[in-house]
Amino acid sequence: MAWYSFTPPGMSTPNPANPFHYTLEPLGPPSCLSNQHVCGLQADDDSGRPIITFDLLAEIAQALENRTPSVNVLLKS
């Protein structure tokens, strides 16, 4: 699995469920601080974009609700 930084375009509403709001991180997980917003995630790759499954969406939601990163979801302030 690959790591991705959450990088929503400046003019759009950030959407952690949108694979086009992520950038592939070839050197490993992005560095993140705090625990309030999605910073990055780990997922299978589809041409440089993460494959966001139902299970990964649930993991994102749980990480945000608990303000605690998980195995596949990193958070920042």
Protein backbone atom coordinates (compact mmCIF):
# COMPACT_ATOMS: atom_id res chain seq x y z
CA MET A 1 0.00 0.00 0.00
CA ALA A 2 1.07 3.58 -0.63
CA TRP A 3 0.88 6.75 1.45
CA TYR A 4 -0.87 9.93 0.30
CA SER A 5 -0.99 13.51 1.62
CA PHE A 6 -4.38 15.16 1.85
CA THR A 7 -4.01 18.09 -0.57
CA PRO A 8 -7.44 19.44 -1.58
CA PRO A 9 -7.40 22.10 -4.31
CA GLY A 10 -7.56 25.64 -2.91
CA MET A 11 -10.91 26.57 -4.42
CA SER A 12 -12.79 23.43 -3.39
CA THR A 13 -14.31 22.17 -0.16
CA PRO A 14 -11.90 19.64 1.38
CA ASN A 15 -13.33 16.14 1.02
CA PRO A 16 -11.38 13.23 2.56
CA ALA A 17 -13.52 10.80 0.52
CA ASN A 18 -12.34 12.26 -2.81
CA PRO A 19 -9.27 10.45 -4.18
CA PHE A 20 -8.41 13.54 -6.25
CA HIS A 21 -7.77 15.45 -3.00
CA TYR A 22 -4.65 13.34 -2.30
CA THR A 23 -1.07 13.38 -3.57
CA LEU A 24 1.08 10.24 -3.65
CA GLU A 25 3.98 10.30 -1.13
CA PRO A 26 6.71 8.07 -2.62
CA LEU A 27 8.97 8.35 0.46
CA GLY A 28 6.47 7.12 3.05
CA PRO A 29 3.89 8.69 5.34
CA PRO A 30 3.60 12.48 5.48
CA SER A 31 4.54 14.18 8.74
CA CYS A 32 1.48 15.41 10.59
CA LEU A 33 0.88 17.30 13.80
CA SER A 34 -2.10 17.18 16.16
CA ASN A 35 -5.28 15.16 15.67
CA GLN A 36 -8.14 17.19 14.20
CA HIS A 37 -8.08 16.97 10.37
CA VAL A 38 -7.02 14.35 7.84
CA CYS A 39 -3.37 14.80 6.89
CA GLY A 40 -2.77 11.61 4.96
CA LEU A 41 -3.78 8.05 4.44
CA GLN A 42 -2.48 4.68 3.36
CA ALA A 43 -4.37 2.85 0.62
CA ASP A 44 -3.95 0.73 -2.47
CA ASP A 45 -2.91 2.75 -5.51
CA ASP A 46 -4.89 3.47 -8.68
CA SER A 47 -2.65 5.44 -11.08
CA GLY A 48 -1.32 7.73 -8.33
CA ARG A 49 -4.65 8.08 -6.49
CA PRO A 50 -5.78 6.17 -3.40
CA ILE A 51 -8.49 3.55 -3.66
CA ILE A 52 -10.88 4.70 -0.94
CA THR A 53 -12.95 1.72 0.12
CA PHE A 54 -15.98 1.68 2.40
CA ASP A 55 -13.77 0.30 5.19
CA LEU A 56 -11.25 3.10 4.71
CA LEU A 57 -14.05 5.69 4.78
CA ALA A 58 -15.21 4.21 8.08
CA GLU A 59 -11.64 4.36 9.41
CA ILE A 60 -11.38 8.04 8.35
CA ALA A 61 -14.67 8.85 10.09
CA GLN A 62 -13.64 7.02 13.27
CA ALA A 63 -10.21 8.72 13.35
CA LEU A 64 -11.83 12.15 12.97
CA GLU A 65 -14.50 11.42 15.58
CA ASN A 66 -11.97 10.14 18.12
CA ARG A 67 -9.28 12.65 17.10
CA THR A 68 -6.91 9.72 17.05
CA PRO A 69 -4.85 8.57 14.07
CA SER A 70 -5.19 4.96 12.98
CA VAL A 71 -3.13 2.43 11.05
CA ASN A 72 -4.16 3.95 7.71
CA VAL A 73 -5.23 7.51 8.60
CA LEU A 74 -2.98 10.33 9.82
CA LEU A 75 -4.40 13.52 11.35
CA LYS A 76 -3.20 17.12 11.83
CA SER A 77 -4.58 20.32 13.35
